[in-house]
Amino acid sequence: MPVRFHPKNPIDALETIIVKEDGSPLRGEIDIYRQLWTDLNKSTLEWDIWHDLKLPEHSDNFNYYKKTSSQIDFLILCKYGLLVLEVKGGSISTKDNTFFYGKNFETPIKQNPFKQAEGYKYTLKDNILNNLKGCFFCEATAFPHVDYPFDSKLIDKKLLWTSFIAKDYNGSMEKFLLNVFEYSKNKHKKHFRIYEDITPKEFVSIKKILSPIIGDRNQINTINTLEWLGIQNIEILEGLYKNSRIMIEGPPGCGKTTIAKAFIDKQQNKNGIYLCWNNLLMHYTKSLLRERQLSSNIEVTTYFRFFQKHNPSIDYKKLSSMSEDEFYDMVKDTIQKLEKNDNLKPYDFIVIDEAQDLLDRGLDLFINKFSGFNGQGLLNGNSLVLFDIDQSYSSSGRNVSEIADLLTEYYSHFKINEVKRSSQNPDIRKLSSEILEHSEILEDKKFEEWFQNIEIKRHKNLEDVKSHIVKSVLTPIRETNSSLKGQDCIILVESTFLRGDYKGKEDLRELLIIKDVEELTETNVGDTANKLRYSSILKFKGLEKKNVYLVISKPSELNKYELFVGITRAILNVEINIVD
């Protein structure tokens, strides 16, 4: 396709996507968007267009109102350079060096649109793309609904598109844009400044800066992994600029939850909701947001709790036993009841963490109705969805890939391919990529040779596991000068061993009633006391620790998913304790 839009919006749904704060369509931008799409798809050139591109700063050049950020209606890239296009819809008039909406000077426009476009051009040139010295920058303005002659000393008519002027270009927006490039370059020639076409390398660089793909930016393996998670991904999020609906797909440990926190940081004075699947992650997130003083404007809950609250006739036991289809119908029914009683209040923003657990449980219905305007949150809402398809596996054979693909039609979709949580122990990444397909790898005689940084311990029973934990983990933690701290460790136990039915003997929970050992709960999940804590593997999903001690039964098809989740919780070290 000759033209690519960022973000790519359904061309027949722009009226619900490109809207004012009250939800009404921004007709001027919509009409220009469609004309660019129509005309440039016929072009022989390659075009990239960013719509509603928000930049995190504003150049001092032509920044009369001292704005700290800037928002470009259309940024247009082709081999001739970059063009900033400022759009003003409706009738436009000028008087006393001021622009007005309306033919009869009804409403003043705060800023000269031509100067506004010029200021954005300098922001890009001076602050954002300042390393591209040979790139040509120019600007133009469009008044798409002005169907009458527009003469003013305030403007350069060669840089103006109106429906009246369009006939000079045979109605072609492409001809107008190419003329702007040629005209603007010729002005520079008078001052002996010659600009060549953008090289393929520069073209790629510009696109990477304006629409970055989240990937491996950690070039130094010895960097503190937690620093990378806390800093680099936030920078990446800033690089996404103006994407109202973002889906980020990536494996455990790539920093998705950190991106969620950064996204929430950006939603100042807005009413939002954070949803996840499990309780521990919910309470941990609550504690983090309280520390950052962000908890006042956001509801933090689980998907189950949310629907229990709004449909109290359904208890937790019934919810947890529902099939995916039954859950979907329940979501639909709850929404209908809320709408009937006029109790459905959309959120200004939504964050869905670990969304792979929710995708086939009516998540599309939830997003559509609880965000955006007119019950069309998939088209015009403000939401962040974080997921990992690999973690959607279960013994029932659920597959949510198809639903995820459907959602990406409405979102800017970014994929993180590298695990950064465990960058200091590459064996963790390597094993996690193998375990779902080859759980028997733990039994292979060459395991120690293949994975030299992962220990496997074998035990006859749970009593042996207890003894090992006390001797090898708890005792060093208790030592005053030990570098091993309780808050850096977690014992993750296969659910089989926490049910009290393992071979008719005590479960591990009873055996771990020891001083300085306690189960991880919603009340202590954010506590940094020097205690050794344990949890089931699945309850710990979405969380992480530097050192993870897994307690599992013999690897098989039945527990390979828990194995995968457990291994990927580790930042630095993982020890696998197998009970025969």
Protein backbone atom coordinates (compact mmCIF):
# COMPACT_ATOMS: atom_id res chain seq x y z
CA MET A 1 0.00 0.00 0.00
CA PRO A 2 1.46 3.41 -0.99
CA VAL A 3 0.14 5.11 2.17
CA ARG A 4 0.33 3.91 5.80
CA PHE A 5 -1.44 5.68 8.64
CA HIS A 6 -0.22 5.70 12.25
CA PRO A 7 -2.44 4.68 13.97
CA LYS A 8 -4.32 2.75 11.31
CA ASN A 9 -8.01 3.53 11.79
CA PRO A 10 -10.97 1.91 9.97
CA ILE A 11 -11.76 4.41 7.22
CA ASP A 12 -15.53 3.93 7.58
CA ALA A 13 -15.51 4.49 11.35
CA LEU A 14 -13.64 7.79 11.61
CA GLU A 15 -16.70 9.65 12.92
CA THR A 16 -16.52 7.62 16.12
CA ILE A 17 -12.72 7.77 16.43
CA ILE A 18 -11.71 11.33 15.52
CA VAL A 19 -13.90 13.24 17.94
CA LYS A 20 -14.02 16.28 20.21
CA GLU A 21 -14.15 15.96 24.00
CA ASP A 22 -17.96 15.84 23.85
CA GLY A 23 -17.84 12.91 21.42
CA SER A 24 -18.93 14.84 18.32
CA PRO A 25 -16.92 14.26 15.10
CA LEU A 26 -13.99 16.51 14.16
CA ARG A 27 -15.28 16.91 10.66
CA GLY A 28 -12.31 18.86 9.26
CA GLU A 29 -9.72 16.25 10.27
CA ILE A 30 -12.01 13.41 9.19
CA ASP A 31 -12.44 14.86 5.68
CA ILE A 32 -8.68 15.44 5.27
CA TYR A 33 -7.93 11.95 6.62
CA ARG A 34 -10.23 10.38 4.00
CA GLN A 35 -8.89 12.52 1.17
CA LEU A 36 -5.29 11.64 2.05
CA TRP A 37 -6.25 7.98 2.20
CA THR A 38 -8.03 8.13 -1.18
CA ASP A 39 -5.51 10.24 -3.10
CA LEU A 40 -2.27 8.78 -1.76
CA ASN A 41 -3.39 5.20 -2.30
CA LYS A 42 -3.20 6.03 -6.00
CA SER A 43 0.34 7.37 -5.68
CA THR A 44 3.51 5.79 -7.01
CA LEU A 45 5.41 7.12 -3.98
CA GLU A 46 5.68 5.66 -0.49
CA TRP A 47 3.84 7.74 2.13
CA ASP A 48 3.59 7.48 5.92
CA ILE A 49 1.14 9.66 7.81
CA TRP A 50 0.82 10.20 11.56
CA HIS A 51 -2.54 11.53 12.69
CA ASP A 52 -2.98 13.44 15.95
CA LEU A 53 0.67 12.99 16.87
CA LYS A 54 1.42 14.27 20.36
CA LEU A 55 4.98 15.39 21.03
CA PRO A 56 6.22 15.59 24.64
CA GLU A 57 7.71 19.07 24.20
CA HIS A 58 7.44 22.27 22.14
CA SER A 59 10.21 24.31 20.54
CA ASP A 60 10.58 27.95 21.54
CA ASN A 61 10.33 28.92 17.89
CA PHE A 62 6.88 30.37 17.25
CA ASN A 63 5.68 29.02 20.60
CA TYR A 64 3.79 32.17 21.52
CA TYR A 65 1.60 30.51 24.10
CA LYS A 66 4.54 28.76 25.83
CA LYS A 67 3.04 25.34 25.40
CA THR A 68 4.95 22.51 27.05
CA SER A 69 3.70 19.95 24.53
CA SER A 70 2.48 19.94 20.95
CA GLN A 71 -0.10 17.99 18.97
CA ILE A 72 0.19 17.71 15.21
CA ASP A 73 -2.96 17.07 13.19
CA PHE A 74 -1.10 15.29 10.35
CA LEU A 75 2.60 14.61 9.91
CA ILE A 76 3.32 13.45 6.37
CA LEU A 77 6.50 11.62 5.33
CA CYS A 78 7.68 10.82 1.81
CA LYS A 79 11.06 10.75 0.07
CA TYR A 80 11.00 14.55 -0.30
CA GLY A 81 10.85 15.19 3.45
CA LEU A 82 8.46 15.76 6.34
CA LEU A 83 5.40 18.01 6.15
CA VAL A 84 3.34 19.27 9.10
CA LEU A 85 -0.30 19.80 8.11
CA GLU A 86 -2.50 21.86 10.44
CA VAL A 87 -6.26 21.47 9.86
CA LYS A 88 -9.09 23.84 10.79
CA GLY A 89 -12.59 22.69 9.92
CA GLY A 90 -15.67 24.81 9.25
CA SER A 91 -15.82 28.30 7.80
CA ILE A 92 -12.75 30.49 8.41
CA SER A 93 -12.34 34.26 8.16
CA THR A 94 -9.65 36.84 8.99
CA LYS A 95 -9.80 40.37 10.37
CA ASP A 96 -7.19 42.64 11.97
CA ASN A 97 -4.48 40.01 11.66
CA THR A 98 -6.63 37.47 13.54
CA PHE A 99 -8.23 34.25 12.33
CA PHE A 100 -11.85 33.43 13.20
CA TYR A 101 -14.18 30.44 12.97
CA GLY A 102 -17.19 31.41 10.86
CA LYS A 103 -17.54 33.64 7.80
CA ASN A 104 -18.48 36.64 9.93
CA PHE A 105 -15.67 36.61 12.52
CA GLU A 106 -17.76 34.75 15.15
CA THR A 107 -15.12 32.98 17.26
CA PRO A 108 -11.42 33.98 17.42
CA ILE A 109 -8.85 31.25 16.78
CA LYS A 110 -6.25 31.56 19.53
CA GLN A 111 -3.25 31.01 17.27
CA ASN A 112 -2.48 31.76 13.65
CA PRO A 113 -2.78 28.26 12.09
CA PHE A 114 0.18 28.93 9.77
CA LYS A 115 2.40 29.97 12.67
CA GLN A 116 1.10 26.97 14.63
CA ALA A 117 2.19 24.57 11.87
CA GLU A 118 5.53 26.34 11.61
CA GLY A 119 6.10 26.00 15.36
CA TYR A 120 5.39 22.27 15.22
CA LYS A 121 7.84 21.99 12.34
CA TYR A 122 10.59 23.51 14.47
CA THR A 123 9.71 21.25 17.40
CA LEU A 124 10.30 18.24 15.17
CA LYS A 125 13.40 19.70 13.58
CA ASP A 126 15.07 21.06 16.72
CA ASN A 127 13.98 18.66 19.45
CA ILE A 128 12.69 15.35 18.10
CA LEU A 129 14.49 14.60 14.83
CA ASN A 130 17.48 16.88 15.40
CA ASN A 131 19.97 14.16 14.45
CA LEU A 132 18.68 14.06 10.87
CA LYS A 133 20.57 17.06 9.56
CA GLY A 134 19.83 16.38 5.89
CA CYS A 135 16.08 15.91 6.27
CA PHE A 136 13.83 18.59 4.79
CA PHE A 137 10.99 19.97 6.97
CA CYS A 138 8.08 22.09 5.76
CA GLU A 139 4.51 22.93 6.70
CA ALA A 140 1.07 23.65 5.25
CA THR A 141 -2.45 24.42 6.44
CA ALA A 142 -5.81 23.01 5.35
CA PHE A 143 -9.24 24.66 5.61
CA PRO A 144 -11.22 21.86 3.93
CA HIS A 145 -14.63 23.54 4.27
CA VAL A 146 -13.63 26.94 2.89
CA ASP A 147 -15.29 27.00 -0.56
CA TYR A 148 -14.68 30.68 -1.25
CA PRO A 149 -11.62 32.82 -2.12
CA PHE A 150 -9.40 33.31 0.90
CA ASP A 151 -7.10 36.29 0.64
CA SER A 152 -5.02 37.53 3.55
CA LYS A 153 -1.62 39.10 4.10
CA LEU A 154 -1.26 36.65 6.97
CA ILE A 155 -0.90 33.63 4.75
CA ASP A 156 1.17 32.15 1.97
CA LYS A 157 -1.46 30.76 -0.41
CA LYS A 158 1.03 28.24 -1.77
CA LEU A 159 0.86 26.58 1.67
CA LEU A 160 -2.94 26.52 1.92
CA TRP A 161 -5.45 23.85 0.90
CA THR A 162 -9.14 24.72 0.72
CA SER A 163 -12.01 23.18 -1.22
CA PHE A 164 -11.93 26.35 -3.37
CA ILE A 165 -8.19 26.11 -4.08
CA ALA A 166 -8.42 22.34 -4.71
CA LYS A 167 -9.43 22.93 -8.32
CA ASP A 168 -5.93 24.36 -8.96
CA TYR A 169 -4.63 20.85 -8.22
CA ASN A 170 -7.41 18.98 -10.05
CA GLY A 171 -8.80 18.08 -6.64
CA SER A 172 -5.70 15.99 -5.80
CA MET A 173 -4.24 16.28 -2.32
CA GLU A 174 -1.09 14.54 -3.58
CA LYS A 175 -0.47 17.25 -6.19
CA PHE A 176 -0.90 19.90 -3.48
CA LEU A 177 1.57 18.19 -1.12
CA LEU A 178 4.17 17.70 -3.85
CA ASN A 179 3.78 21.36 -4.79
CA VAL A 180 4.35 22.40 -1.14
CA PHE A 181 7.58 20.38 -1.05
CA GLU A 182 8.82 21.87 -4.34
CA TYR A 183 7.79 25.44 -3.46
CA SER A 184 9.35 25.26 0.03
CA LYS A 185 12.59 23.76 -1.24
CA ASN A 186 12.87 26.46 -3.92
CA LYS A 187 12.66 29.13 -1.22
CA HIS A 188 15.65 27.54 0.48
CA LYS A 189 17.58 27.40 -2.81
CA LYS A 190 17.59 31.18 -2.85
CA HIS A 191 19.69 30.99 0.31
CA PHE A 192 21.96 28.30 -1.14
CA ARG A 193 20.43 25.51 0.95
CA ILE A 194 19.95 22.40 -1.16
CA TYR A 195 18.08 19.36 0.23
CA GLU A 196 18.40 15.89 -1.27
CA ASP A 197 15.75 13.18 -1.07
CA ILE A 198 15.53 11.23 2.16
CA THR A 199 17.63 8.07 2.03
CA PRO A 200 16.07 4.66 2.81
CA LYS A 201 18.13 4.58 6.02
CA GLU A 202 16.80 8.00 7.11
CA PHE A 203 13.28 6.91 6.20
CA VAL A 204 13.56 3.92 8.54
CA SER A 205 15.12 6.05 11.31
CA ILE A 206 12.28 8.57 11.20
CA LYS A 207 9.66 5.84 11.41
CA LYS A 208 11.45 4.17 14.34
CA ILE A 209 11.51 7.44 16.27
CA LEU A 210 7.90 8.41 15.57
CA SER A 211 6.43 4.88 15.77
CA PRO A 212 8.91 2.83 17.76
CA ILE A 213 8.70 -0.94 17.93
CA ILE A 214 9.31 -2.10 21.45
CA GLY A 215 12.36 -4.26 21.39
CA ASP A 216 15.73 -4.95 22.86
CA ARG A 217 17.31 -1.67 23.95
CA ASN A 218 19.43 -3.29 26.63
CA GLN A 219 22.80 -3.53 24.93
CA ILE A 220 24.72 -4.14 28.15
CA ASN A 221 23.81 -7.43 29.75
CA THR A 222 25.32 -6.42 33.08
CA ILE A 223 22.93 -3.49 33.50
CA ASN A 224 20.72 -3.69 36.55
CA THR A 225 17.60 -5.42 35.26
CA LEU A 226 15.27 -3.64 37.61
CA GLU A 227 16.65 -0.30 36.42
CA TRP A 228 15.90 -1.33 32.85
CA LEU A 229 12.35 -2.23 33.73
CA GLY A 230 11.85 0.98 35.62
CA ILE A 231 13.36 3.37 33.13
CA GLN A 232 13.68 2.10 29.58
CA ASN A 233 10.12 0.94 29.06
CA ILE A 234 8.78 4.24 30.39
CA GLU A 235 10.86 5.97 27.74
CA ILE A 236 9.38 3.65 25.16
CA LEU A 237 5.88 4.46 26.33
CA GLU A 238 6.64 8.17 25.89
CA GLY A 239 7.73 7.31 22.38
CA LEU A 240 4.25 6.01 21.55
CA TYR A 241 2.96 9.60 21.73
CA LYS A 242 -0.72 9.83 20.85
CA ASN A 243 -2.11 6.31 20.73
CA SER A 244 -5.36 6.13 22.67
CA ARG A 245 -5.66 2.37 22.41
CA ILE A 246 -2.51 0.34 22.83
CA MET A 247 -1.99 -3.43 22.94
CA ILE A 248 1.39 -4.63 24.12
CA GLU A 249 2.19 -8.29 23.67
CA GLY A 250 5.22 -9.83 25.25
CA PRO A 251 6.60 -12.67 27.35
CA PRO A 252 6.89 -12.64 31.14
CA GLY A 253 9.57 -10.28 32.36
CA CYS A 254 9.59 -7.88 29.42
CA GLY A 255 8.22 -5.01 31.52
CA LYS A 256 4.52 -4.97 30.59
CA THR A 257 3.37 -4.20 34.14
CA THR A 258 5.88 -1.36 34.38
CA ILE A 259 4.41 0.08 31.20
CA ALA A 260 0.98 -0.15 32.85
CA LYS A 261 2.22 1.94 35.79
CA ALA A 262 3.75 4.49 33.43
CA PHE A 263 0.53 4.66 31.42
CA ILE A 264 -1.41 5.39 34.63
CA ASP A 265 1.13 8.11 35.45
CA LYS A 266 0.09 9.90 32.26
CA GLN A 267 -3.64 9.93 33.07
CA GLN A 268 -3.71 13.01 35.25
CA ASN A 269 -7.08 13.95 36.78
CA LYS A 270 -8.85 11.17 34.90
CA ASN A 271 -11.09 8.46 36.28
CA GLY A 272 -9.77 5.00 35.43
CA ILE A 273 -9.78 1.31 36.27
CA TYR A 274 -6.99 -1.28 36.41
CA LEU A 275 -8.10 -4.89 35.93
CA CYS A 276 -6.16 -8.11 36.26
CA TRP A 277 -6.93 -11.77 36.92
CA ASN A 278 -5.41 -12.66 40.26
CA ASN A 279 -5.76 -11.14 43.71
CA LEU A 280 -2.09 -10.91 44.64
CA LEU A 281 -1.24 -8.87 41.56
CA MET A 282 -4.22 -6.63 42.28
CA HIS A 283 -3.10 -5.91 45.86
CA TYR A 284 0.52 -5.48 44.84
CA THR A 285 -0.50 -2.95 42.20
CA LYS A 286 -2.64 -1.13 44.76
CA SER A 287 0.34 -0.79 47.09
CA LEU A 288 2.56 0.53 44.30
CA LEU A 289 -0.01 3.11 43.23
CA ARG A 290 -0.48 4.24 46.82
CA GLU A 291 3.28 4.78 47.11
CA ARG A 292 3.17 6.89 43.94
CA GLN A 293 0.09 8.75 45.20
CA LEU A 294 -1.89 7.62 42.17
CA SER A 295 -4.56 5.55 43.86
CA SER A 296 -7.16 8.30 44.22
CA ASN A 297 -8.20 8.39 40.56
CA ILE A 298 -8.10 4.71 39.70
CA GLU A 299 -10.07 1.67 40.78
CA VAL A 300 -7.84 -1.40 41.11
CA THR A 301 -9.65 -4.72 41.09
CA THR A 302 -9.87 -8.15 39.50
CA TYR A 303 -12.21 -9.10 36.72
CA PHE A 304 -14.10 -11.42 39.08
CA ARG A 305 -14.48 -8.77 41.77
CA PHE A 306 -15.70 -6.20 39.27
CA PHE A 307 -18.60 -8.36 38.11
CA GLN A 308 -19.38 -9.53 41.63
CA LYS A 309 -19.76 -5.87 42.56
CA HIS A 310 -22.07 -5.07 39.65
CA ASN A 311 -23.94 -8.39 39.63
CA PRO A 312 -24.14 -9.40 43.31
CA SER A 313 -26.56 -12.24 42.58
CA ILE A 314 -23.58 -14.26 41.27
CA ASP A 315 -21.22 -15.51 43.98
CA TYR A 316 -17.50 -16.21 43.60
CA LYS A 317 -17.94 -19.98 43.49
CA LYS A 318 -20.36 -19.73 40.58
CA LEU A 319 -18.13 -17.26 38.74
CA SER A 320 -15.04 -19.43 39.12
CA SER A 321 -16.83 -22.48 37.75
CA MET A 322 -18.22 -20.77 34.65
CA SER A 323 -17.02 -21.83 31.23
CA GLU A 324 -15.66 -19.13 28.93
CA ASP A 325 -18.99 -18.98 27.04
CA GLU A 326 -21.01 -18.77 30.26
CA PHE A 327 -18.76 -15.99 31.53
CA TYR A 328 -19.22 -14.11 28.25
CA ASP A 329 -23.00 -14.33 28.61
CA MET A 330 -22.76 -13.14 32.21
CA VAL A 331 -20.76 -10.07 31.13
CA LYS A 332 -23.36 -9.32 28.46
CA ASP A 333 -26.21 -9.73 30.95
CA THR A 334 -24.52 -7.49 33.55
CA ILE A 335 -24.00 -4.74 30.98
CA GLN A 336 -27.64 -4.91 29.87
CA LYS A 337 -28.85 -4.61 33.47
CA LEU A 338 -26.61 -1.61 34.14
CA GLU A 339 -27.75 0.10 30.94
CA LYS A 340 -31.40 -0.54 31.73
CA ASN A 341 -31.04 1.15 35.12
CA ASP A 342 -28.83 3.91 33.68
CA ASN A 343 -25.98 2.80 35.98
CA LEU A 344 -23.30 2.14 33.38
CA LYS A 345 -20.66 4.86 33.76
CA PRO A 346 -17.70 4.64 31.35
CA TYR A 347 -14.15 5.22 32.60
CA ASP A 348 -11.79 7.83 31.16
CA PHE A 349 -9.14 5.13 30.81
CA ILE A 350 -8.81 1.38 31.27
CA VAL A 351 -5.73 -0.78 31.94
CA ILE A 352 -5.98 -4.54 31.47
CA ASP A 353 -3.00 -6.46 32.85
CA GLU A 354 -2.44 -10.15 32.08
CA ALA A 355 -5.28 -9.85 29.55
CA GLN A 356 -4.71 -13.32 28.09
CA ASP A 357 -6.75 -14.64 31.03
CA LEU A 358 -9.68 -12.39 30.16
CA LEU A 359 -9.80 -12.23 26.37
CA ASP A 360 -12.32 -15.04 25.94
CA ARG A 361 -14.41 -13.96 28.91
CA GLY A 362 -16.13 -10.98 27.36
CA LEU A 363 -13.21 -8.55 27.56
CA ASP A 364 -14.18 -7.01 24.20
CA LEU A 365 -17.68 -6.28 25.55
CA PHE A 366 -16.22 -4.77 28.71
CA ILE A 367 -13.83 -2.44 26.86
CA ASN A 368 -16.49 -1.38 24.39
CA LYS A 369 -19.08 -0.45 27.03
CA PHE A 370 -16.94 0.82 29.89
CA SER A 371 -14.75 3.23 27.93
CA GLY A 372 -15.14 5.84 25.21
CA PHE A 373 -18.26 7.48 23.82
CA ASN A 374 -21.62 5.97 22.99
CA GLY A 375 -20.67 2.45 24.04
CA GLN A 376 -17.97 2.21 21.38
CA GLY A 377 -14.82 2.07 23.46
CA LEU A 378 -13.08 -0.18 20.95
CA LEU A 379 -13.30 2.64 18.42
CA ASN A 380 -12.88 5.75 20.54
CA GLY A 381 -11.86 4.74 24.08
CA ASN A 382 -8.58 5.20 25.96
CA SER A 383 -7.20 1.82 27.02
CA LEU A 384 -4.02 -0.20 27.47
CA VAL A 385 -4.13 -3.99 27.06
CA LEU A 386 -1.14 -6.10 28.11
CA PHE A 387 -0.99 -9.80 27.31
CA ASP A 388 1.06 -12.87 26.52
CA ILE A 389 -0.52 -15.52 24.33
CA ASP A 390 1.80 -18.25 25.67
CA GLN A 391 0.34 -17.75 29.14
CA SER A 392 -3.19 -18.37 27.91
CA TYR A 393 -2.48 -22.09 27.82
CA SER A 394 -4.46 -24.35 30.12
CA SER A 395 -5.32 -28.00 30.42
CA SER A 396 -8.71 -27.32 28.81
CA GLY A 397 -7.00 -26.28 25.61
CA ARG A 398 -8.06 -22.63 25.55
CA ASN A 399 -6.77 -20.67 22.62
CA VAL A 400 -7.27 -16.90 22.69
CA SER A 401 -5.07 -15.99 19.73
CA GLU A 402 -8.04 -15.43 17.44
CA ILE A 403 -9.70 -13.03 19.90
CA ALA A 404 -6.42 -11.17 20.39
CA ASP A 405 -6.10 -10.79 16.62
CA LEU A 406 -9.61 -9.36 16.42
CA LEU A 407 -8.81 -6.78 19.12
CA THR A 408 -5.64 -5.65 17.36
CA GLU A 409 -7.86 -4.26 14.57
CA TYR A 410 -8.86 -1.52 17.00
CA TYR A 411 -5.48 -0.97 18.68
CA SER A 412 -1.94 0.10 17.99
CA HIS A 413 -0.24 -3.24 18.55
CA PHE A 414 3.35 -3.52 19.79
CA LYS A 415 5.22 -6.75 20.41
CA ILE A 416 8.12 -7.19 22.79
CA ASN A 417 10.22 -10.18 21.85
CA GLU A 418 12.92 -10.10 24.49
CA VAL A 419 12.67 -11.12 28.13
CA LYS A 420 14.39 -8.41 30.14
CA ARG A 421 13.47 -9.58 33.62
CA SER A 422 16.07 -12.33 33.53
CA SER A 423 18.68 -10.72 31.28
CA GLN A 424 21.40 -11.57 33.81
CA ASN A 425 20.56 -15.28 33.58
CA PRO A 426 19.91 -16.16 29.93
CA ASP A 427 19.27 -19.79 30.91
CA ILE A 428 15.93 -18.71 32.39
CA ARG A 429 14.83 -17.30 29.06
CA LYS A 430 16.12 -20.35 27.21
CA LEU A 431 14.32 -22.82 29.50
CA SER A 432 11.04 -20.88 29.48
CA SER A 433 11.00 -21.01 25.68
CA GLU A 434 11.41 -24.80 25.77
CA ILE A 435 9.30 -25.94 28.69
CA LEU A 436 5.82 -25.73 27.18
CA GLU A 437 6.79 -27.87 24.21
CA HIS A 438 9.26 -30.15 25.97
CA SER A 439 8.49 -30.49 29.67
CA GLU A 440 10.53 -33.70 29.71
CA ILE A 441 13.67 -31.61 29.25
CA LEU A 442 14.00 -31.43 33.05
CA GLU A 443 14.53 -35.18 33.09
CA ASP A 444 17.20 -35.17 30.38
CA LYS A 445 20.68 -36.28 31.46
CA LYS A 446 22.20 -33.35 29.63
CA PHE A 447 20.09 -30.75 31.45
CA GLU A 448 22.98 -29.55 33.63
CA GLU A 449 25.16 -29.24 30.56
CA TRP A 450 22.51 -27.24 28.66
CA PHE A 451 21.39 -25.06 31.60
CA GLN A 452 24.40 -24.52 33.82
CA ASN A 453 22.82 -21.64 35.73
CA ILE A 454 19.66 -23.48 36.80
CA GLU A 455 19.72 -25.99 39.66
CA ILE A 456 17.50 -29.04 39.92
CA LYS A 457 17.01 -30.74 43.31
CA ARG A 458 15.18 -34.05 43.67
CA HIS A 459 13.27 -35.09 46.80
CA LYS A 460 11.49 -38.23 47.98
CA ASN A 461 8.71 -36.35 49.75
CA LEU A 462 7.58 -32.95 51.05
CA GLU A 463 9.44 -33.43 54.34
CA ASP A 464 12.68 -33.50 52.37
CA VAL A 465 11.61 -30.30 50.60
CA LYS A 466 10.99 -28.62 53.96
CA SER A 467 14.41 -29.65 55.27
CA HIS A 468 16.12 -28.35 52.15
CA ILE A 469 14.31 -24.99 52.30
CA VAL A 470 15.21 -24.50 55.97
CA LYS A 471 18.86 -25.42 55.49
CA SER A 472 19.59 -23.81 52.11
CA VAL A 473 17.28 -20.81 52.02
CA LEU A 474 15.85 -19.86 55.42
CA THR A 475 19.05 -20.22 57.44
CA PRO A 476 21.11 -17.91 55.17
CA ILE A 477 18.25 -15.37 55.26
CA ARG A 478 18.33 -15.35 59.06
CA GLU A 479 22.08 -14.68 59.17
CA THR A 480 22.76 -11.05 60.05
CA ASN A 481 25.43 -10.41 57.42
CA SER A 482 23.92 -12.54 54.69
CA SER A 483 23.45 -11.05 51.21
CA LEU A 484 20.35 -13.23 50.77
CA LYS A 485 17.25 -11.27 51.86
CA GLY A 486 13.75 -12.61 52.40
CA GLN A 487 12.13 -9.90 50.29
CA ASP A 488 14.22 -11.10 47.32
CA CYS A 489 13.01 -14.71 47.55
CA ILE A 490 9.79 -16.61 46.93
CA ILE A 491 8.87 -20.30 47.20
CA LEU A 492 6.39 -21.15 44.46
CA VAL A 493 4.49 -24.37 44.94
CA GLU A 494 2.57 -26.46 42.44
CA SER A 495 -1.11 -26.33 43.39
CA THR A 496 -1.17 -30.12 43.96
CA PHE A 497 0.99 -29.67 47.05
CA LEU A 498 -1.20 -27.04 48.66
CA ARG A 499 -4.47 -28.96 48.68
CA GLY A 500 -3.88 -31.39 51.48
CA ASP A 501 -4.45 -34.38 49.22
CA TYR A 502 -0.92 -35.24 48.12
CA LYS A 503 -0.67 -39.00 48.66
CA GLY A 504 -2.93 -38.60 51.67
CA LYS A 505 -0.31 -36.63 53.63
CA GLU A 506 0.01 -33.08 54.91
CA ASP A 507 0.27 -30.38 52.35
CA LEU A 508 3.31 -28.10 52.21
CA ARG A 509 1.37 -25.27 53.83
CA GLU A 510 1.25 -27.22 57.10
CA LEU A 511 4.88 -28.21 56.89
CA LEU A 512 5.95 -24.58 56.42
CA ILE A 513 4.50 -23.36 59.72
CA ILE A 514 7.96 -22.20 60.77
CA LYS A 515 9.27 -19.00 62.33
CA ASP A 516 10.10 -16.38 59.64
CA VAL A 517 8.15 -18.30 56.99
CA GLU A 518 4.65 -17.22 55.94
CA GLU A 519 2.26 -17.49 53.04
CA LEU A 520 2.18 -14.54 50.65
CA THR A 521 -1.18 -12.81 51.03
CA GLU A 522 -2.95 -9.65 49.97
CA THR A 523 -1.94 -7.99 53.25
CA ASN A 524 1.82 -8.66 53.07
CA VAL A 525 2.41 -8.62 49.30
CA GLY A 526 3.98 -5.17 49.50
CA ASP A 527 5.82 -5.82 52.79
CA THR A 528 9.65 -5.79 52.74
CA ALA A 529 10.16 -7.62 56.06
CA ASN A 530 13.03 -10.12 56.07
CA LYS A 531 10.79 -13.17 55.90
CA LEU A 532 10.66 -16.07 53.50
CA ARG A 533 7.28 -16.28 51.80
CA TYR A 534 5.58 -18.91 49.69
CA SER A 535 2.63 -19.00 47.33
CA SER A 536 1.05 -21.21 44.72
CA ILE A 537 2.58 -20.72 41.30
CA LEU A 538 -0.63 -19.53 39.67
CA LYS A 539 -1.44 -17.02 42.42
CA PHE A 540 1.94 -15.42 41.83
CA LYS A 541 1.29 -14.92 38.13
CA GLY A 542 2.15 -11.39 37.05
CA LEU A 543 4.61 -10.86 39.94
CA GLU A 544 8.37 -11.41 40.18
CA LYS A 545 11.30 -11.99 42.55
CA LYS A 546 15.05 -12.09 42.15
CA ASN A 547 15.25 -15.66 43.47
CA VAL A 548 12.54 -18.26 42.83
CA TYR A 549 12.42 -21.73 44.42
CA LEU A 550 9.94 -23.98 42.60
CA VAL A 551 8.37 -27.02 44.24
CA ILE A 552 6.78 -29.28 41.62
CA SER A 553 5.84 -32.87 40.94
CA LYS A 554 7.41 -34.85 38.12
CA PRO A 555 7.18 -32.75 34.90
CA SER A 556 4.33 -33.76 32.61
CA GLU A 557 1.60 -32.42 30.35
CA LEU A 558 -0.47 -31.73 33.49
CA ASN A 559 1.92 -29.30 35.16
CA LYS A 560 3.97 -27.85 32.29
CA TYR A 561 1.96 -24.62 32.31
CA GLU A 562 2.61 -24.08 36.03
CA LEU A 563 6.27 -24.82 35.34
CA PHE A 564 6.36 -22.16 32.66
CA VAL A 565 4.70 -19.55 34.87
CA GLY A 566 6.96 -20.38 37.81
CA ILE A 567 10.21 -20.24 35.86
CA THR A 568 9.31 -16.91 34.30
CA ARG A 569 8.75 -15.25 37.69
CA ALA A 570 12.51 -15.25 38.33
CA ILE A 571 14.72 -12.23 37.73
CA LEU A 572 18.14 -13.69 38.57
CA ASN A 573 17.96 -17.26 39.84
CA VAL A 574 15.59 -20.21 39.75
CA GLU A 575 15.91 -23.51 41.62
CA ILE A 576 13.61 -26.37 40.65
CA ASN A 577 12.70 -28.83 43.40
CA ILE A 578 11.09 -31.98 42.00
CA VAL A 579 9.16 -34.31 44.33
CA ASP A 580 9.17 -37.85 42.93
